[in-house]
Amino acid sequence: MADLKVIEGVLSDRGSKYAVAGGPAASKAEAEALVKTLKRKKKFAKATHNTWAVLLEDGPLKADDGESGAGMVIVRMLEREGLSNHVIVVTRWFGGTHLGGDRFRHVQSCVRTYLDML
């Protein structure tokens, strides 16, 4: 999947580090394949969370990967942007300190960084 775009080192806060990736996905299988491709990179496979979402014809699809509520943050941003058939993955490496609500702002920052690159 050559269409996978990855931006590493988007931000860090209290030891947690974030990256964002994405690419075209017109189905659940394509979205999952893209996430699987990302996780083939050892660094991403070892991440604490690979949260992702995509807007498909039959509705949004999301996976929080343990970062409760983060998938919905991505869905809302995709809806506002009107971007469908494109999966966005926000990756977090947990740094040992809980970030509380800041983690949602960080997910938003990562998605915004990615959308600005399109």
C-alpha atoms as a PDB file:
ATOM      1  CA  MET A   1       0.000   0.000   0.000  1.00  0.00           C
ATOM      2  CA  ALA A   2       2.153   2.804  -1.341  1.00  0.00           C
ATOM      3  CA  ASP A   3      -0.507   5.421  -0.573  1.00  0.00           C
ATOM      4  CA  LEU A   4       0.186   5.299   3.167  1.00  0.00           C
ATOM      5  CA  LYS A   5       1.421   8.693   4.397  1.00  0.00           C
ATOM      6  CA  VAL A   6       3.103   8.789   7.813  1.00  0.00           C
ATOM      7  CA  ILE A   7       4.042  11.862   9.846  1.00  0.00           C
ATOM      8  CA  GLU A   8       6.145  10.975  12.865  1.00  0.00           C
ATOM      9  CA  GLY A   9       6.965  13.197  15.826  1.00  0.00           C
ATOM     10  CA  VAL A  10       3.820  15.322  15.504  1.00  0.00           C
ATOM     11  CA  LEU A  11       3.901  16.190  19.191  1.00  0.00           C
ATOM     12  CA  SER A  12       4.928  14.966  22.606  1.00  0.00           C
ATOM     13  CA  ASP A  13       3.514  15.688  26.040  1.00  0.00           C
ATOM     14  CA  ARG A  14       4.679  14.375  29.423  1.00  0.00           C
ATOM     15  CA  GLY A  15       6.567  11.544  27.761  1.00  0.00           C
ATOM     16  CA  SER A  16       3.799  10.448  25.381  1.00  0.00           C
ATOM     17  CA  LYS A  17       4.689  10.747  21.709  1.00  0.00           C
ATOM     18  CA  TYR A  18       2.277  11.002  18.794  1.00  0.00           C
ATOM     19  CA  ALA A  19       2.332  10.248  15.085  1.00  0.00           C
ATOM     20  CA  VAL A  20      -0.375  10.302  12.421  1.00  0.00           C
ATOM     21  CA  ALA A  21      -0.819   8.294   9.234  1.00  0.00           C
ATOM     22  CA  GLY A  22      -3.479   7.717   6.631  1.00  0.00           C
ATOM     23  CA  GLY A  23      -4.448   6.843   3.122  1.00  0.00           C
ATOM     24  CA  PRO A  24      -7.347   5.994   0.830  1.00  0.00           C
ATOM     25  CA  ALA A  25      -9.681   3.218   2.004  1.00  0.00           C
ATOM     26  CA  ALA A  26     -13.042   2.544   0.357  1.00  0.00           C
ATOM     27  CA  SER A  27     -14.004  -0.405   2.595  1.00  0.00           C
ATOM     28  CA  LYS A  28     -13.508  -1.872   6.059  1.00  0.00           C
ATOM     29  CA  ALA A  29     -11.040  -4.388   4.590  1.00  0.00           C
ATOM     30  CA  GLU A  30      -8.976  -1.630   2.941  1.00  0.00           C
ATOM     31  CA  ALA A  31      -8.941   0.422   6.171  1.00  0.00           C
ATOM     32  CA  GLU A  32      -7.831  -2.591   8.213  1.00  0.00           C
ATOM     33  CA  ALA A  33      -5.190  -3.467   5.603  1.00  0.00           C
ATOM     34  CA  LEU A  34      -3.766   0.049   5.826  1.00  0.00           C
ATOM     35  CA  VAL A  35      -3.579  -0.145   9.634  1.00  0.00           C
ATOM     36  CA  LYS A  36      -1.925  -3.572   9.301  1.00  0.00           C
ATOM     37  CA  THR A  37       0.607  -2.107   6.847  1.00  0.00           C
ATOM     38  CA  LEU A  38       1.431   0.645   9.353  1.00  0.00           C
ATOM     39  CA  LYS A  39       1.904  -1.929  12.126  1.00  0.00           C
ATOM     40  CA  ARG A  40       4.422  -3.823   9.981  1.00  0.00           C
ATOM     41  CA  LYS A  41       6.801  -1.072  11.050  1.00  0.00           C
ATOM     42  CA  LYS A  42       8.114  -2.373  14.368  1.00  0.00           C
ATOM     43  CA  LYS A  43       7.899   1.056  15.987  1.00  0.00           C
ATOM     44  CA  PHE A  44       4.142   1.293  15.267  1.00  0.00           C
ATOM     45  CA  ALA A  45       3.493  -2.327  16.242  1.00  0.00           C
ATOM     46  CA  LYS A  46       4.946  -1.526  19.681  1.00  0.00           C
ATOM     47  CA  ALA A  47       2.832   1.638  20.132  1.00  0.00           C
ATOM     48  CA  THR A  48       0.393   1.787  23.024  1.00  0.00           C
ATOM     49  CA  HIS A  49      -2.508   2.887  20.792  1.00  0.00           C
ATOM     50  CA  ASN A  50      -3.184   2.954  17.043  1.00  0.00           C
ATOM     51  CA  THR A  51      -6.567   4.686  16.989  1.00  0.00           C
ATOM     52  CA  TRP A  52      -8.223   5.062  13.602  1.00  0.00           C
ATOM     53  CA  ALA A  53     -11.384   6.022  11.762  1.00  0.00           C
ATOM     54  CA  VAL A  54     -12.768   6.196   8.223  1.00  0.00           C
ATOM     55  CA  LEU A  55     -16.037   7.473   6.736  1.00  0.00           C
ATOM     56  CA  LEU A  56     -17.475   4.858   4.390  1.00  0.00           C
ATOM     57  CA  GLU A  57     -20.592   4.912   2.233  1.00  0.00           C
ATOM     58  CA  ASP A  58     -22.497   2.873   4.821  1.00  0.00           C
ATOM     59  CA  GLY A  59     -21.334   5.006   7.766  1.00  0.00           C
ATOM     60  CA  PRO A  60     -18.301   5.681   9.936  1.00  0.00           C
ATOM     61  CA  LEU A  61     -15.966   2.938  11.112  1.00  0.00           C
ATOM     62  CA  LYS A  62     -13.617   3.456  14.048  1.00  0.00           C
ATOM     63  CA  ALA A  63     -11.312   1.639  16.431  1.00  0.00           C
ATOM     64  CA  ASP A  64     -10.150   3.168  19.725  1.00  0.00           C
ATOM     65  CA  ASP A  65      -7.422   0.563  20.355  1.00  0.00           C
ATOM     66  CA  GLY A  66      -7.665   1.200  24.108  1.00  0.00           C
ATOM     67  CA  GLU A  67      -7.752   5.023  23.817  1.00  0.00           C
ATOM     68  CA  SER A  68     -11.441   5.268  24.726  1.00  0.00           C
ATOM     69  CA  GLY A  69     -13.331   7.876  22.697  1.00  0.00           C
ATOM     70  CA  ALA A  70     -10.427   8.796  20.423  1.00  0.00           C
ATOM     71  CA  GLY A  71     -11.906   7.096  17.343  1.00  0.00           C
ATOM     72  CA  MET A  72     -14.997   9.298  17.626  1.00  0.00           C
ATOM     73  CA  VAL A  73     -12.798  12.415  17.713  1.00  0.00           C
ATOM     74  CA  ILE A  74     -11.313  11.346  14.361  1.00  0.00           C
ATOM     75  CA  VAL A  75     -14.786  10.544  12.947  1.00  0.00           C
ATOM     76  CA  ARG A  76     -16.079  14.029  13.861  1.00  0.00           C
ATOM     77  CA  MET A  77     -13.090  15.701  12.219  1.00  0.00           C
ATOM     78  CA  LEU A  78     -13.506  13.618   9.044  1.00  0.00           C
ATOM     79  CA  GLU A  79     -17.194  14.552   8.953  1.00  0.00           C
ATOM     80  CA  ARG A  80     -16.430  18.263   9.376  1.00  0.00           C
ATOM     81  CA  GLU A  81     -13.840  18.020   6.616  1.00  0.00           C
ATOM     82  CA  GLY A  82     -16.212  16.037   4.380  1.00  0.00           C
ATOM     83  CA  LEU A  83     -13.442  13.487   3.798  1.00  0.00           C
ATOM     84  CA  SER A  84     -14.718   9.976   3.105  1.00  0.00           C
ATOM     85  CA  ASN A  85     -12.968   6.820   1.948  1.00  0.00           C
ATOM     86  CA  HIS A  86      -9.773   7.936   3.691  1.00  0.00           C
ATOM     87  CA  VAL A  87      -8.559   6.310   6.909  1.00  0.00           C
ATOM     88  CA  ILE A  88      -6.611   8.326   9.479  1.00  0.00           C
ATOM     89  CA  VAL A  89      -4.589   6.592  12.205  1.00  0.00           C
ATOM     90  CA  VAL A  90      -3.337   8.444  15.291  1.00  0.00           C
ATOM     91  CA  THR A  91      -0.570   6.549  17.073  1.00  0.00           C
ATOM     92  CA  ARG A  92       0.425   7.162  20.698  1.00  0.00           C
ATOM     93  CA  TRP A  93       3.365   5.804  22.614  1.00  0.00           C
ATOM     94  CA  PHE A  94       2.411   6.171  26.287  1.00  0.00           C
ATOM     95  CA  GLY A  95       5.026   8.017  28.302  1.00  0.00           C
ATOM     96  CA  GLY A  96       3.990   6.992  31.805  1.00  0.00           C
ATOM     97  CA  THR A  97       1.841  10.004  32.749  1.00  0.00           C
ATOM     98  CA  HIS A  98      -1.923  10.037  32.168  1.00  0.00           C
ATOM     99  CA  LEU A  99      -2.916  13.033  30.053  1.00  0.00           C
ATOM    100  CA  GLY A 100      -6.625  13.154  30.903  1.00  0.00           C
ATOM    101  CA  GLY A 101      -8.667  15.250  28.474  1.00  0.00           C
ATOM    102  CA  ASP A 102      -5.498  16.606  26.847  1.00  0.00           C
ATOM    103  CA  ARG A 103      -5.227  13.343  24.934  1.00  0.00           C
ATOM    104  CA  PHE A 104      -8.286  14.305  22.867  1.00  0.00           C
ATOM    105  CA  ARG A 105      -6.743  17.672  21.998  1.00  0.00           C
ATOM    106  CA  HIS A 106      -3.608  15.817  20.928  1.00  0.00           C
ATOM    107  CA  VAL A 107      -5.638  13.475  18.701  1.00  0.00           C
ATOM    108  CA  GLN A 108      -7.249  16.568  17.146  1.00  0.00           C
ATOM    109  CA  SER A 109      -3.831  18.193  16.607  1.00  0.00           C
ATOM    110  CA  CYS A 110      -2.539  15.057  14.895  1.00  0.00           C
ATOM    111  CA  VAL A 111      -5.569  14.798  12.611  1.00  0.00           C
ATOM    112  CA  ARG A 112      -5.332  18.524  11.785  1.00  0.00           C
ATOM    113  CA  THR A 113      -1.628  18.110  10.917  1.00  0.00           C
ATOM    114  CA  TYR A 114      -2.545  15.265   8.576  1.00  0.00           C
ATOM    115  CA  LEU A 115      -5.484  17.084   6.956  1.00  0.00           C
ATOM    116  CA  ASP A 116      -3.330  20.172   6.373  1.00  0.00           C
ATOM    117  CA  MET A 117      -0.899  17.957   4.460  1.00  0.00           C
ATOM    118  CA  LEU A 118      -3.575  16.730   2.007  1.00  0.00           C
END
